Protein backbone atom coordinates (compact mmCIF):
# COMPACT_ATOMS: atom_id res chain seq x y z
CA UNK A 1 -19.47 76.02 -114.76
CA UNK A 2 -21.48 78.22 -116.80
CA UNK A 3 -20.98 82.07 -117.23
CA UNK A 4 -23.05 82.73 -114.35
CA UNK A 5 -21.45 80.27 -112.29
CA UNK A 6 -18.50 82.62 -112.33
CA UNK A 7 -19.90 85.39 -112.54
CA UNK A 8 -21.04 84.83 -108.65
CA UNK A 9 -17.92 83.55 -107.97
CA UNK A 10 -16.16 86.20 -108.43
CA UNK A 11 -18.75 88.70 -106.73
CA UNK A 12 -18.69 86.37 -103.89
CA UNK A 13 -14.34 86.68 -103.49
CA UNK A 14 -14.60 90.07 -103.40
CA UNK A 15 -17.00 89.99 -101.26
CA UNK A 16 -16.02 87.40 -98.61
CA UNK A 17 -12.91 86.07 -99.91
CA UNK A 18 -10.71 83.35 -98.38
CA UNK A 19 -8.58 82.99 -95.50
CA UNK A 20 -6.60 80.38 -93.69
CA UNK A 21 -6.67 80.19 -90.24
CA UNK A 22 -8.29 77.66 -86.98
CA UNK A 23 -12.20 76.01 -87.90
CA UNK A 24 -14.66 77.82 -85.94
CA UNK A 25 -18.71 78.43 -85.99
CA UNK A 26 -18.74 82.11 -87.42
CA UNK A 27 -21.67 84.39 -88.26
CA UNK A 28 -21.95 86.63 -90.80
CA UNK A 29 -24.71 89.73 -91.85
CA UNK A 30 -25.98 89.23 -94.81
CA UNK A 31 -24.76 93.39 -94.90
CA UNK A 32 -21.24 92.02 -96.26
CA UNK A 33 -23.57 90.15 -99.44
CA UNK A 34 -23.65 92.40 -103.11
CA UNK A 35 -26.37 92.03 -105.92
CA UNK A 36 -24.66 89.76 -108.58
CA UNK A 37 -25.72 92.31 -111.25
CA UNK A 38 -24.86 95.74 -110.62
CA UNK A 39 -28.07 96.78 -112.68
CA UNK A 40 -29.35 95.40 -109.05
CA UNK A 41 -27.69 97.30 -106.91
CA UNK A 42 -30.42 99.89 -106.56
CA UNK A 43 -33.15 97.04 -106.25
CA UNK A 44 -31.33 95.85 -101.97
CA UNK A 45 -32.21 98.46 -99.47
CA UNK A 46 -29.58 98.45 -96.34
CA UNK A 47 -31.21 98.63 -93.25
CA UNK A 48 -28.69 98.68 -90.61
CA UNK A 49 -30.21 99.36 -87.41
CA UNK A 50 -31.60 95.97 -87.67
CA UNK A 51 -29.33 94.49 -90.81
CA UNK A 52 -31.77 93.07 -93.42
CA UNK A 53 -30.92 93.70 -97.34
CA UNK A 54 -34.44 93.50 -98.45
CA UNK A 55 -35.12 93.59 -102.46
CA UNK A 56 -37.16 96.51 -102.93
CA UNK A 57 -37.37 96.00 -106.74
CA UNK A 58 -40.72 94.15 -108.51
CA UNK A 59 -39.18 90.64 -109.07
CA UNK A 60 -36.83 88.65 -107.74
CA UNK A 61 -32.73 88.41 -107.32
CA UNK A 62 -29.91 87.46 -107.59
CA UNK A 63 -27.65 88.13 -104.23
CA UNK A 64 -24.53 86.10 -102.67
CA UNK A 65 -22.52 86.62 -99.72
CA UNK A 66 -18.97 85.44 -99.54
CA UNK A 67 -18.01 83.53 -96.44
CA UNK A 68 -13.83 82.97 -94.93
CA UNK A 69 -13.11 78.99 -94.91
CA UNK A 70 -10.65 77.62 -93.18
CA UNK A 71 -10.02 73.69 -93.24
CA UNK A 72 -10.90 71.15 -95.81
CA UNK A 73 -15.18 70.18 -95.02
CA UNK A 74 -18.23 70.04 -95.37
CA UNK A 75 -20.29 73.09 -94.06
CA UNK A 76 -23.72 73.46 -92.65
CA UNK A 77 -24.71 77.45 -93.52
CA UNK A 78 -27.68 79.06 -91.87
CA UNK A 79 -29.59 81.37 -93.78
CA UNK A 80 -31.94 83.40 -91.60
CA UNK A 81 -34.35 84.99 -93.68
CA UNK A 82 -38.06 86.37 -93.97
CA UNK A 83 -39.99 85.49 -96.78
CA UNK A 84 -43.39 87.13 -97.50
CA UNK A 85 -43.82 85.32 -101.20
CA UNK A 86 -44.61 81.85 -102.49
CA UNK A 87 -41.39 80.10 -103.49
CA UNK A 88 -39.58 83.56 -104.61
CA UNK A 89 -37.09 83.56 -102.35
CA UNK A 90 -34.63 80.60 -102.29
CA UNK A 91 -30.75 80.05 -102.06
CA UNK A 92 -28.14 78.05 -102.36
CA UNK A 93 -24.53 77.45 -100.94
CA UNK A 94 -21.42 76.92 -103.47
CA UNK A 95 -17.52 75.76 -102.62
CA UNK A 96 -14.81 76.22 -105.36
CA UNK A 97 -11.60 74.35 -103.48
CA UNK A 98 -8.51 76.39 -104.48
CA UNK A 99 -7.99 74.13 -107.56
CA UNK A 100 -10.79 75.34 -109.39
CA UNK A 101 -12.12 72.22 -109.98
CA UNK A 102 -14.61 69.94 -108.38
CA UNK A 103 -17.10 72.62 -106.85
CA UNK A 104 -19.92 71.10 -105.13
CA UNK A 105 -23.39 72.94 -104.76
CA UNK A 106 -25.75 72.57 -102.15
CA UNK A 107 -29.49 71.96 -103.31
CA UNK A 108 -31.50 75.04 -102.97
CA UNK A 109 -34.24 75.76 -100.70
CA UNK A 110 -37.36 78.31 -99.84
CA UNK A 111 -37.88 79.57 -96.11
CA UNK A 112 -41.40 78.78 -95.10
CA UNK A 113 -43.79 81.75 -96.14
CA UNK A 114 -44.11 83.40 -92.17
CA UNK A 115 -43.39 86.99 -92.32
CA UNK A 116 -40.75 86.81 -90.01
CA UNK A 117 -36.70 85.68 -88.96
CA UNK A 118 -36.47 81.96 -90.17
CA UNK A 119 -33.27 79.53 -90.96
CA UNK A 120 -33.07 78.05 -94.02
CA UNK A 121 -30.17 74.69 -93.74
CA UNK A 122 -27.93 74.08 -96.53
CA UNK A 123 -25.66 71.13 -96.17
CA UNK A 124 -23.65 69.27 -98.74
CA UNK A 125 -21.08 72.14 -100.17
CA UNK A 126 -17.59 71.00 -99.09
CA UNK A 127 -14.03 72.88 -99.67
CA UNK A 128 -10.52 72.68 -99.12
CA UNK A 129 -9.11 76.21 -96.95
CA UNK A 130 -8.22 78.47 -98.85
CA UNK A 131 -11.00 77.10 -100.92
CA UNK A 132 -14.15 80.03 -102.17
CA UNK A 133 -17.56 79.89 -100.27
CA UNK A 134 -20.13 82.03 -100.57
CA UNK A 135 -24.28 81.01 -100.21
CA UNK A 136 -26.21 82.29 -103.39
CA UNK A 137 -30.11 83.68 -102.82
CA UNK A 138 -32.32 84.42 -105.46
CA UNK A 139 -34.92 86.71 -103.26
CA UNK A 140 -38.27 87.69 -104.33
CA UNK A 141 -39.65 91.06 -103.86
CA UNK A 142 -40.44 92.39 -99.99
CA UNK A 143 -38.12 89.33 -98.72
CA UNK A 144 -35.08 90.47 -96.33
CA UNK A 145 -32.04 88.23 -95.73
CA UNK A 146 -30.86 88.40 -92.07
CA UNK A 147 -27.51 86.47 -91.14
CA UNK A 148 -25.70 83.82 -92.41
CA UNK A 149 -23.74 81.41 -89.73
CA UNK A 150 -21.48 78.45 -90.34
CA UNK A 151 -18.60 76.50 -89.56
CA UNK A 152 -15.76 77.82 -91.36
């Protein structure tokens, strides 16, 4: 793992953490996430009325959302995104088993550019219960993250 991947994993643990229990569908607001780099905290404006996190800086910034995991299974993750920029925003999921070895990462996907909410569906990440699961997005200027729905 690269140093940046380890840092992103650490941030994700702080924002979501892993718990054990019964696997089921879950939804979590993007408001629970964090900027990866501390100096980028001011870039992400929060609108609690509509649940959006919007990048207000001029460039693309990294944002992670930690997700709880309950089962040893492949994960399907849907992220509601609003994008105005050509290929500036993309997301991927990262799953790290509790043992710390054998991480799986989904392919990075870009949302369609519509200016209204669209879903990005991420597949290909598998983790164990009590493993680490998070969504890592690079969010373009003016673009927003809204909601993450997934099977835990």
